[in-house]
């Protein structure tokens, strides 16, 4: 009885005119509930995605079902057994696939990976997230190939090569994302099944639009692949300078440590700092340098971290980026922040030429990742969870410093050795300032730095082309359904959209 009384107290007051509170609601035809596996989730009918789908499907022509233009399938569930690095099959999780430069973190026992052939992806496929944040789309790039990719991504295989470019751009639109989210099911973790996506509508553009989008997508893929190749050349050059012999790093899990290493710096007794392989890398760096080794503090104007601040989000605010979004491949802007309400907001605004570093997370993941900011990042409001590194251009090429901090073999280990903490390790600016910077001839450093900058510019150009292709697809969909003022898929449908319905 007491529980019933508490529940009754939480219910909205009912008056003669109805509910006393203003609830979002809409009428739905009974026929709609008899198809599409709606599962009676009322929130689905209040999204713009649902309304857009109804408008598209109401047209007698000009659109097709996804199943008519592409195969949509999902591998069987994978329960892999993790083994030591390089001892099994390299594996990518769903989140890693959307990163701009994913690095393999797990290897799975070969004998425990059934149907291995269906775990690999091909360059002419698209991948779509089907749980959590459903509806995210990415192409397959060289760093995805020859790796076991999680079953938690739907495989979208265009039936015709001419449809690839349009499908890629169309599935990146807010309209398609809204349709996907209106079709999801589940309570805490949302899901989509292949059959849900197969029944989704795909707007058919005019031939000239389709060709234009296809040309843009082709340039996007070309620039991103070129950027990866250029970065690989720069990595090889740097690694050949540090260790010309290609020595294998010490794989020991422990060993003796000189007492003087424990008496300096801020070790916090974290044994990771004095791991045998990290000490070996430090030795390589100091012996390979042709000029005196310097520290990050010596070649930068500042290395700092802003304090925490309260966030005020709004549609008309400054674009806001979390650390994760900055390292994903051209992630859409999902939040805007009213920067004028943040004390000392200028220190959080990102500037071209800076290097930003994620300062928390797992040492095998986001923590310690670095990015050279370009013109595309100028004016974006960055998270307080980013270490801002301002290179001194007179002392070092920013691109070369980026290589020193990010090279997977000899750079990143010098960063993450400073991580401290248990469940969520952190990095502090004062430790980053002490990271050793090997110095070589100005010509060599300039060559490496220029390659790193060229790769960053190519990625930005690809992002700009991708945004252009997506905007063209957005405009095509808007023209088709006759709605040009759409709200977020998480909001109540706009008045214009409801009028159309």
Protein backbone atom coordinates (compact mmCIF):
# COMPACT_ATOMS: atom_id res chain seq x y z
CA UNK A 1 0.00 0.00 0.00
CA UNK A 2 2.81 2.42 0.90
CA UNK A 3 4.54 1.73 -2.44
CA UNK A 4 1.29 2.36 -4.30
CA UNK A 5 0.83 5.67 -2.50
CA UNK A 6 4.35 6.80 -3.44
CA UNK A 7 3.74 5.87 -7.06
CA UNK A 8 0.41 7.68 -7.12
CA UNK A 9 2.08 10.80 -5.70
CA UNK A 10 4.51 10.85 -8.64
CA UNK A 11 1.82 10.65 -11.31
CA UNK A 12 0.73 13.90 -12.99
CA UNK A 13 -2.52 15.39 -11.75
CA UNK A 14 -5.44 14.62 -14.01
CA UNK A 15 -8.05 17.34 -14.49
CA UNK A 16 -11.31 17.46 -16.39
CA UNK A 17 -9.39 18.88 -19.35
CA UNK A 18 -6.72 16.23 -19.24
CA UNK A 19 -3.23 16.15 -17.77
CA UNK A 20 -2.14 19.19 -15.83
CA UNK A 21 1.41 18.96 -17.25
CA UNK A 22 2.50 19.69 -20.82
CA UNK A 23 3.59 16.34 -22.23
CA UNK A 24 4.90 15.75 -25.75
CA UNK A 25 2.32 13.64 -27.54
CA UNK A 26 1.00 12.85 -31.00
CA UNK A 27 -1.71 10.70 -32.54
CA UNK A 28 -0.65 7.55 -34.40
CA UNK A 29 -2.65 5.46 -36.84
CA UNK A 30 -3.42 1.93 -35.68
CA UNK A 31 -2.04 0.59 -38.97
CA UNK A 32 1.39 1.94 -38.06
CA UNK A 33 1.48 -0.23 -34.93
CA UNK A 34 0.91 -3.34 -37.00
CA UNK A 35 4.19 -3.13 -38.92
CA UNK A 36 7.82 -2.21 -38.49
CA UNK A 37 8.37 -3.87 -35.09
CA UNK A 38 7.66 -0.62 -33.22
CA UNK A 39 7.48 -2.48 -29.90
CA UNK A 40 5.05 0.20 -28.67
CA UNK A 41 7.90 2.59 -27.78
CA UNK A 42 6.02 5.85 -27.89
CA UNK A 43 9.15 8.01 -28.01
CA UNK A 44 9.87 6.74 -31.53
CA UNK A 45 6.78 8.53 -32.87
CA UNK A 46 7.84 11.88 -31.44
CA UNK A 47 11.15 12.11 -33.28
CA UNK A 48 11.82 13.99 -36.48
CA UNK A 49 13.30 10.80 -37.87
CA UNK A 50 9.95 9.07 -37.68
CA UNK A 51 8.22 11.99 -39.38
CA UNK A 52 10.84 12.18 -42.13
CA UNK A 53 10.48 8.49 -42.81
CA UNK A 54 6.72 8.85 -43.13
CA UNK A 55 7.15 11.72 -45.59
CA UNK A 56 9.61 9.75 -47.71
CA UNK A 57 7.53 6.58 -47.76
CA UNK A 58 4.38 8.56 -48.62
CA UNK A 59 5.90 9.38 -52.01
CA UNK A 60 4.95 6.94 -54.79
CA UNK A 61 8.43 7.12 -56.35
CA UNK A 62 11.88 8.61 -55.90
CA UNK A 63 13.02 6.25 -53.14
CA UNK A 64 13.87 2.62 -52.53
CA UNK A 65 14.26 0.29 -49.60
CA UNK A 66 17.79 -0.23 -48.36
CA UNK A 67 17.51 -3.91 -49.20
CA UNK A 68 17.06 -2.95 -52.88
CA UNK A 69 20.40 -1.10 -53.07
CA UNK A 70 22.59 -2.87 -50.52
CA UNK A 71 23.00 -6.05 -48.51
CA UNK A 72 22.82 -5.50 -44.77
CA UNK A 73 24.16 -8.24 -42.54
CA UNK A 74 25.88 -8.87 -39.24
CA UNK A 75 28.37 -11.58 -38.25
CA UNK A 76 27.46 -14.00 -35.49
CA UNK A 77 28.26 -12.93 -31.95
CA UNK A 78 31.94 -13.20 -31.11
CA UNK A 79 33.13 -14.30 -27.68
CA UNK A 80 36.86 -14.02 -28.20
CA UNK A 81 39.59 -15.10 -25.82
CA UNK A 82 42.19 -12.36 -25.34
CA UNK A 83 45.84 -13.41 -25.61
CA UNK A 84 49.13 -11.54 -25.30
CA UNK A 85 49.97 -8.96 -28.00
CA UNK A 86 50.85 -10.36 -31.43
CA UNK A 87 50.09 -13.92 -30.29
CA UNK A 88 46.67 -14.08 -31.96
CA UNK A 89 44.39 -12.22 -34.37
CA UNK A 90 44.38 -8.40 -34.11
CA UNK A 91 40.93 -7.09 -33.16
CA UNK A 92 39.09 -3.75 -33.42
CA UNK A 93 36.10 -2.83 -31.26
CA UNK A 94 33.17 -0.74 -32.51
CA UNK A 95 34.48 2.48 -30.98
CA UNK A 96 37.95 2.00 -32.47
CA UNK A 97 36.59 1.65 -35.99
CA UNK A 98 35.37 5.27 -35.87
CA UNK A 99 38.73 6.63 -34.73
CA UNK A 100 40.86 8.57 -37.22
CA UNK A 101 43.91 6.43 -36.45
CA UNK A 102 42.92 3.28 -34.53
CA UNK A 103 45.62 1.19 -32.91
CA UNK A 104 45.09 -2.49 -32.17
CA UNK A 105 44.66 -3.03 -28.42
CA UNK A 106 43.55 -6.66 -28.27
CA UNK A 107 44.58 -9.92 -29.89
CA UNK A 108 42.20 -12.88 -29.90
CA UNK A 109 43.05 -16.57 -29.75
CA UNK A 110 42.76 -17.89 -33.29
CA UNK A 111 41.10 -21.14 -32.24
CA UNK A 112 38.29 -19.22 -30.52
CA UNK A 113 37.31 -17.07 -33.53
CA UNK A 114 34.73 -19.04 -35.53
CA UNK A 115 33.90 -18.17 -39.14
CA UNK A 116 37.00 -16.00 -39.46
CA UNK A 117 36.31 -15.03 -43.06
CA UNK A 118 33.16 -13.11 -42.11
CA UNK A 119 35.03 -11.13 -39.43
CA UNK A 120 37.09 -9.22 -42.00
CA UNK A 121 35.85 -6.22 -43.96
CA UNK A 122 36.43 -5.00 -47.51
CA UNK A 123 37.26 -1.59 -48.93
CA UNK A 124 33.95 -1.16 -50.79
CA UNK A 125 31.79 -1.74 -47.70
CA UNK A 126 30.29 0.66 -45.18
CA UNK A 127 30.06 -0.01 -41.44
CA UNK A 128 27.17 1.11 -39.25
CA UNK A 129 26.91 1.13 -35.45
CA UNK A 130 23.98 -0.96 -34.27
CA UNK A 131 24.11 -0.51 -30.49
CA UNK A 132 24.60 2.38 -28.12
CA UNK A 133 24.78 5.39 -30.44
CA UNK A 134 23.08 3.69 -33.37
CA UNK A 135 23.32 4.98 -36.92
CA UNK A 136 26.97 6.10 -37.03
CA UNK A 137 28.55 5.44 -40.43
CA UNK A 138 32.13 4.99 -41.57
CA UNK A 139 33.86 3.71 -44.66
CA UNK A 140 36.39 0.89 -44.61
CA UNK A 141 39.97 2.20 -44.73
CA UNK A 142 43.30 0.36 -45.03
CA UNK A 143 43.74 0.35 -41.26
CA UNK A 144 40.52 -1.69 -40.95
CA UNK A 145 41.52 -4.39 -43.41
CA UNK A 146 43.13 -7.68 -42.36
CA UNK A 147 41.85 -7.15 -38.82
CA UNK A 148 39.05 -8.94 -36.98
CA UNK A 149 36.27 -6.33 -36.69
CA UNK A 150 33.66 -6.69 -33.98
CA UNK A 151 30.29 -8.24 -34.72
CA UNK A 152 28.72 -5.12 -33.17
CA UNK A 153 28.78 -3.27 -36.51
CA UNK A 154 26.39 -3.86 -39.39
CA UNK A 155 28.00 -4.50 -42.76
CA UNK A 156 26.48 -2.41 -45.57
CA UNK A 157 27.49 -3.83 -48.96
CA UNK A 158 26.24 -1.77 -51.95
CA UNK A 159 24.92 -3.94 -54.76
CA UNK A 160 26.31 -1.52 -57.36
CA UNK A 161 29.56 0.45 -57.26
CA UNK A 162 27.64 3.48 -58.53
CA UNK A 163 25.58 3.50 -55.32
CA UNK A 164 28.55 3.51 -52.93
CA UNK A 165 29.19 7.27 -52.88
CA UNK A 166 25.55 8.25 -52.53
CA UNK A 167 24.87 5.68 -49.82
CA UNK A 168 27.88 6.91 -47.85
CA UNK A 169 26.77 10.55 -48.00
CA UNK A 170 23.06 9.79 -47.49
CA UNK A 171 23.66 7.61 -44.45
CA UNK A 172 25.71 10.42 -42.86
CA UNK A 173 22.79 12.88 -43.03
CA UNK A 174 20.80 13.94 -40.00
CA UNK A 175 17.71 12.62 -41.76
CA UNK A 176 19.04 9.07 -42.00
CA UNK A 177 20.49 9.26 -38.49
CA UNK A 178 17.06 10.30 -37.23
CA UNK A 179 15.39 7.44 -39.10
CA UNK A 180 17.86 5.00 -37.56
CA UNK A 181 17.27 6.33 -34.05
CA UNK A 182 13.50 6.21 -34.51
CA UNK A 183 13.84 2.50 -35.33
CA UNK A 184 16.03 1.54 -32.38
CA UNK A 185 14.80 -0.54 -29.49
CA UNK A 186 15.94 -1.30 -25.98
CA UNK A 187 16.03 0.44 -22.63
CA UNK A 188 19.52 1.36 -21.42
CA UNK A 189 21.44 0.27 -24.53
CA UNK A 190 19.69 0.84 -27.84
CA UNK A 191 19.94 -1.65 -30.68
CA UNK A 192 19.26 -2.05 -34.39
CA UNK A 193 18.97 -5.32 -36.28
CA UNK A 194 19.88 -5.85 -39.96
CA UNK A 195 16.19 -6.27 -40.86
CA UNK A 196 15.44 -2.82 -39.42
CA UNK A 197 18.01 -1.20 -41.69
CA UNK A 198 16.93 -3.26 -44.70
CA UNK A 199 13.47 -1.67 -44.51
CA UNK A 200 14.72 1.91 -44.18
CA UNK A 201 14.03 4.23 -47.12
CA UNK A 202 16.84 5.54 -49.33
CA UNK A 203 16.07 8.67 -51.34
CA UNK A 204 17.10 8.35 -54.99
CA UNK A 205 18.82 11.56 -56.20
CA UNK A 206 18.98 12.93 -59.72
CA UNK A 207 21.76 11.41 -61.85
CA UNK A 208 23.90 14.55 -61.77
CA UNK A 209 23.66 14.79 -57.98
CA UNK A 210 24.58 11.14 -57.61
CA UNK A 211 27.62 11.57 -59.87
CA UNK A 212 28.74 14.70 -58.04
CA UNK A 213 28.48 13.04 -54.64
CA UNK A 214 30.30 9.94 -55.93
CA UNK A 215 33.17 12.12 -57.20
CA UNK A 216 33.43 13.87 -53.83
CA UNK A 217 33.47 10.58 -51.92
CA UNK A 218 36.17 9.22 -54.22
CA UNK A 219 38.36 12.26 -53.44
CA UNK A 220 37.67 11.83 -49.71
CA UNK A 221 38.91 8.26 -49.71
CA UNK A 222 41.93 9.15 -51.84
CA UNK A 223 43.03 11.98 -49.54
CA UNK A 224 42.60 9.92 -46.39
CA UNK A 225 44.56 7.00 -47.80
CA UNK A 226 47.30 9.39 -48.96
CA UNK A 227 47.43 10.93 -45.47
CA UNK A 228 47.90 7.47 -43.93
CA UNK A 229 50.71 6.63 -46.34
CA UNK A 230 52.50 9.93 -45.70
CA UNK A 231 52.22 9.42 -41.93
CA UNK A 232 53.68 5.91 -42.37
CA UNK A 233 56.66 7.35 -44.30
CA UNK A 234 57.29 9.88 -41.52
CA UNK A 235 57.09 7.12 -38.88
CA UNK A 236 59.58 4.95 -40.74
CA UNK A 237 62.01 7.86 -41.07
CA UNK A 238 61.81 8.73 -37.37
CA UNK A 239 62.18 5.12 -36.25
CA UNK A 240 65.22 4.65 -38.50
CA UNK A 241 66.86 7.63 -36.78
CA UNK A 242 66.16 6.38 -33.26
CA UNK A 243 67.05 2.73 -33.87
CA UNK A 244 68.72 2.08 -37.26
CA UNK A 245 69.27 -1.58 -36.38
CA UNK A 246 65.58 -2.28 -35.71
CA UNK A 247 66.30 -3.73 -32.28
CA UNK A 248 63.52 -5.67 -30.57
CA UNK A 249 62.36 -4.03 -27.37
CA UNK A 250 62.75 -5.78 -24.02
CA UNK A 251 59.55 -7.71 -23.29
CA UNK A 252 60.38 -8.46 -19.65
CA UNK A 253 57.64 -7.68 -17.15
CA UNK A 254 60.09 -6.73 -14.43
CA UNK A 255 63.72 -6.28 -13.52
CA UNK A 256 66.20 -4.44 -11.28
CA UNK A 257 65.96 -0.65 -11.17
CA UNK A 258 68.73 1.74 -10.06
CA UNK A 259 67.72 3.50 -6.87
CA UNK A 260 68.50 6.91 -8.35
CA UNK A 261 65.55 6.51 -10.77
CA UNK A 262 63.17 6.26 -7.82
CA UNK A 263 64.52 9.36 -6.14
CA UNK A 264 63.81 11.88 -8.88
CA UNK A 265 60.69 13.33 -10.53
CA UNK A 266 57.14 12.53 -9.38
CA UNK A 267 57.10 8.78 -9.65
CA UNK A 268 54.38 8.03 -7.08
CA UNK A 269 56.00 4.59 -6.96
CA UNK A 270 54.26 3.67 -10.23
CA UNK A 271 56.47 0.90 -11.59
CA UNK A 272 55.27 1.58 -15.13
CA UNK A 273 57.68 4.49 -15.46
CA UNK A 274 60.66 2.18 -15.05
CA UNK A 275 59.43 -0.68 -17.23
CA UNK A 276 62.38 -2.32 -19.05
CA UNK A 277 61.09 -1.41 -22.53
CA UNK A 278 60.45 2.22 -21.58
CA UNK A 279 63.95 2.54 -20.13
CA UNK A 280 65.34 0.95 -23.30
CA UNK A 281 63.52 3.48 -25.48
CA UNK A 282 64.82 6.32 -23.33
CA UNK A 283 68.33 4.99 -23.86
CA UNK A 284 67.83 4.78 -27.63
CA UNK A 285 66.60 8.38 -27.76
CA UNK A 286 69.56 9.75 -25.82
CA UNK A 287 72.19 7.80 -27.75
CA UNK A 288 70.70 8.43 -31.22
CA UNK A 289 70.39 12.22 -30.97
CA UNK A 290 72.96 14.13 -32.98
CA UNK A 291 72.29 17.26 -30.92
CA UNK A 292 71.75 17.52 -27.16
CA UNK A 293 68.48 15.99 -26.04
CA UNK A 294 65.96 18.57 -24.84
CA UNK A 295 62.66 18.32 -23.00
CA UNK A 296 59.19 19.29 -24.13
CA UNK A 297 59.44 22.32 -21.84
CA UNK A 298 62.56 23.49 -23.72
CA UNK A 299 60.81 23.60 -27.12
CA UNK A 300 57.36 24.93 -26.14
CA UNK A 301 55.95 28.22 -24.97
CA UNK A 302 53.62 26.47 -22.54
CA UNK A 303 52.16 23.12 -21.55
CA UNK A 304 48.99 23.61 -19.56
CA UNK A 305 45.62 22.29 -18.53
CA UNK A 306 42.51 24.36 -17.89
CA UNK A 307 40.40 23.93 -14.77
CA UNK A 308 37.01 22.27 -14.73
CA UNK A 309 34.06 24.44 -15.64
CA UNK A 310 30.30 24.24 -15.67
CA UNK A 311 28.85 23.74 -19.14
CA UNK A 312 25.86 25.61 -20.53
CA UNK A 313 24.75 24.03 -23.78
CA UNK A 314 22.50 25.59 -26.41
CA UNK A 315 21.77 25.44 -30.13
CA UNK A 316 23.30 28.86 -30.79
CA UNK A 317 26.49 28.31 -28.81
CA UNK A 318 30.08 27.71 -29.90
CA UNK A 319 30.83 24.22 -31.26
CA UNK A 320 32.13 22.06 -28.41
CA UNK A 321 34.43 19.05 -28.72
CA UNK A 322 35.21 16.39 -26.17
CA UNK A 323 38.55 14.62 -26.26
CA UNK A 324 36.98 11.53 -27.83
CA UNK A 325 35.31 13.53 -30.62
CA UNK A 326 38.57 15.24 -31.56
CA UNK A 327 40.22 11.88 -32.20
CA UNK A 328 37.29 10.34 -34.07
CA UNK A 329 37.14 10.61 -37.86
CA UNK A 330 35.29 13.85 -38.65
CA UNK A 331 32.78 13.40 -35.85
CA UNK A 332 29.69 15.63 -36.21
CA UNK A 333 29.18 18.51 -33.81
CA UNK A 334 26.73 17.18 -31.22
CA UNK A 335 27.00 19.96 -28.62
CA UNK A 336 27.33 23.73 -28.56
CA UNK A 337 28.35 25.68 -25.49
CA UNK A 338 27.69 29.25 -24.40
CA UNK A 339 31.34 30.22 -23.97
CA UNK A 340 30.54 33.67 -22.55
CA UNK A 341 29.22 31.94 -19.42
CA UNK A 342 32.53 30.14 -18.81
CA UNK A 343 35.06 32.15 -16.75
CA UNK A 344 38.34 32.53 -18.65
CA UNK A 345 36.80 30.97 -21.75
CA UNK A 346 39.69 32.05 -24.01
CA UNK A 347 41.99 29.41 -22.54
CA UNK A 348 39.64 26.65 -23.72
CA UNK A 349 39.22 27.87 -27.30
CA UNK A 350 41.40 25.80 -29.65
CA UNK A 351 43.94 27.54 -31.90
CA UNK A 352 45.73 26.51 -35.07
CA UNK A 353 49.29 25.32 -34.44
CA UNK A 354 48.66 23.91 -30.96
CA UNK A 355 49.11 20.27 -30.07
CA UNK A 356 46.41 18.89 -27.82
CA UNK A 357 46.77 15.73 -25.74
CA UNK A 358 44.07 13.63 -24.08
CA UNK A 359 45.00 13.56 -20.41
CA UNK A 360 42.81 10.72 -19.08
CA UNK A 361 41.53 7.31 -20.03
CA UNK A 362 43.19 3.92 -20.43
CA UNK A 363 46.86 3.82 -21.39
CA UNK A 364 46.02 1.45 -24.25
CA UNK A 365 43.32 3.78 -25.54
CA UNK A 366 42.64 7.50 -25.64
CA UNK A 367 45.00 8.56 -22.87
CA UNK A 368 48.07 10.39 -24.22
CA UNK A 369 46.78 10.64 -27.78
CA UNK A 370 47.92 13.84 -29.54
CA UNK A 371 46.63 15.95 -32.42
CA UNK A 372 48.10 18.92 -34.29
CA UNK A 373 45.38 21.54 -34.57
CA UNK A 374 44.82 23.12 -37.97
CA UNK A 375 42.65 25.85 -39.41
CA UNK A 376 39.67 23.50 -39.20
CA UNK A 377 39.91 23.51 -35.39
CA UNK A 378 40.25 27.26 -34.99
CA UNK A 379 37.67 28.72 -32.59
CA UNK A 380 36.25 25.38 -31.38
CA UNK A 381 35.62 25.17 -27.63
CA UNK A 382 37.68 22.26 -26.33
CA UNK A 383 37.15 20.07 -23.30
CA UNK A 384 38.93 20.84 -20.05
CA UNK A 385 40.31 17.28 -20.26
CA UNK A 386 42.88 18.30 -22.88
CA UNK A 387 46.48 19.29 -22.25
CA UNK A 388 47.35 22.28 -24.46
CA UNK A 389 50.91 22.16 -25.83
CA UNK A 390 52.06 25.35 -27.58
CA UNK A 391 55.19 24.62 -29.67
CA UNK A 392 57.84 27.32 -30.05
CA UNK A 393 58.20 27.47 -33.83
CA UNK A 394 61.67 29.01 -33.48
CA UNK A 395 62.86 26.05 -31.41
CA UNK A 396 61.18 23.10 -33.15
CA UNK A 397 58.91 22.23 -36.06
CA UNK A 398 55.42 21.54 -34.60
CA UNK A 399 55.03 18.52 -36.86
CA UNK A 400 58.29 17.04 -35.61
CA UNK A 401 57.24 17.54 -31.99
CA UNK A 402 53.99 15.76 -32.83
CA UNK A 403 56.02 12.81 -34.13
CA UNK A 404 58.09 12.74 -30.93
CA UNK A 405 54.88 12.46 -28.91
CA UNK A 406 52.88 10.10 -31.12
CA UNK A 407 55.18 7.58 -32.82
CA UNK A 408 53.80 4.22 -31.69
CA UNK A 409 57.18 2.59 -31.14
CA UNK A 410 59.35 5.34 -29.65
CA UNK A 411 57.06 8.30 -28.96
CA UNK A 412 53.83 7.27 -27.29
CA UNK A 413 55.60 5.00 -24.73
CA UNK A 414 57.49 8.08 -23.45
CA UNK A 415 54.10 9.73 -22.86
CA UNK A 416 52.08 6.96 -21.24
CA UNK A 417 54.93 5.96 -18.90
CA UNK A 418 53.91 9.08 -16.95
CA UNK A 419 50.28 7.99 -16.47
CA UNK A 420 49.20 7.49 -12.88
CA UNK A 421 46.04 6.17 -11.25
CA UNK A 422 44.19 2.89 -11.22
CA UNK A 423 40.72 2.74 -12.78
CA UNK A 424 41.18 5.88 -14.92
CA UNK A 425 44.86 6.84 -15.33
CA UNK A 426 45.73 10.52 -15.78
CA UNK A 427 48.58 12.62 -17.13
CA UNK A 428 49.82 15.90 -15.64
CA UNK A 429 51.34 18.79 -17.60
CA UNK A 430 54.39 18.90 -15.32
CA UNK A 431 55.27 15.33 -16.34
CA UNK A 432 54.68 16.03 -20.03
CA UNK A 433 57.13 18.94 -19.85
CA UNK A 434 59.90 16.51 -18.87
CA UNK A 435 59.46 14.11 -21.82
CA UNK A 436 62.78 13.88 -23.73
CA UNK A 437 62.92 15.29 -27.27
CA UNK A 438 65.67 13.81 -29.48
CA UNK A 439 67.30 16.41 -31.71
CA UNK A 440 68.69 15.83 -35.18
CA UNK A 441 69.75 18.11 -38.02
CA UNK A 442 67.31 20.88 -38.87
CA UNK A 443 66.83 19.43 -42.36
CA UNK A 444 65.82 16.01 -41.02
CA UNK A 445 63.45 17.45 -38.42
CA UNK A 446 61.96 19.76 -41.05
CA UNK A 447 61.40 16.80 -43.39
CA UNK A 448 59.57 14.78 -40.72
CA UNK A 449 57.58 17.81 -39.55
CA UNK A 450 56.53 18.72 -43.09
CA UNK A 451 55.29 15.18 -43.70
CA UNK A 452 53.24 15.27 -40.50
CA UNK A 453 51.73 18.64 -41.44
CA UNK A 454 50.96 17.44 -44.97
CA UNK A 455 49.11 14.42 -43.57
CA UNK A 456 47.10 16.70 -41.23
CA UNK A 457 46.17 19.03 -44.11
CA UNK A 458 45.04 16.11 -46.28
CA UNK A 459 42.81 14.84 -43.48
CA UNK A 460 41.27 18.29 -43.09
CA UNK A 461 40.66 18.56 -46.83
CA UNK A 462 38.98 15.15 -46.77
CA UNK A 463 36.78 16.26 -43.85
CA UNK A 464 35.76 19.41 -45.76
CA UNK A 465 34.84 17.37 -48.84
CA UNK A 466 32.92 14.93 -46.65
CA UNK A 467 30.95 17.79 -45.12
CA UNK A 468 30.21 19.10 -48.61
CA UNK A 469 28.97 15.70 -49.80
CA UNK A 470 26.83 15.31 -46.68
CA UNK A 471 25.37 18.81 -47.07
CA UNK A 472 24.48 18.01 -50.69
CA UNK A 473 22.73 14.84 -49.55
CA UNK A 474 20.94 16.81 -46.79
CA UNK A 475 19.67 19.33 -49.33
CA UNK A 476 18.51 16.56 -51.67
CA UNK A 477 16.53 14.87 -48.90
CA UNK A 478 15.06 18.19 -47.76
CA UNK A 479 13.93 19.00 -51.29
CA UNK A 480 12.43 15.53 -51.69
CA UNK A 481 10.28 15.70 -48.57
CA UNK A 482 9.71 19.45 -48.75
CA UNK A 483 10.93 20.15 -45.22
CA UNK A 484 13.86 22.52 -44.73
CA UNK A 485 13.52 23.31 -41.01
CA UNK A 486 14.29 20.24 -38.97
CA UNK A 487 15.07 19.90 -35.30
CA UNK A 488 17.37 17.43 -33.63
CA UNK A 489 16.17 13.83 -33.62
CA UNK A 490 16.02 14.07 -29.82
CA UNK A 491 13.50 16.91 -29.84
CA UNK A 492 9.81 17.18 -30.46
CA UNK A 493 9.04 17.44 -34.22
CA UNK A 494 9.09 20.99 -35.55
CA UNK A 495 5.79 22.69 -36.32
CA UNK A 496 6.60 22.59 -40.03
CA UNK A 497 7.20 18.86 -39.96
CA UNK A 498 4.01 18.19 -37.99
CA UNK A 499 2.11 20.30 -40.51
CA UNK A 500 3.46 18.11 -43.30
CA UNK A 501 2.34 15.02 -41.42
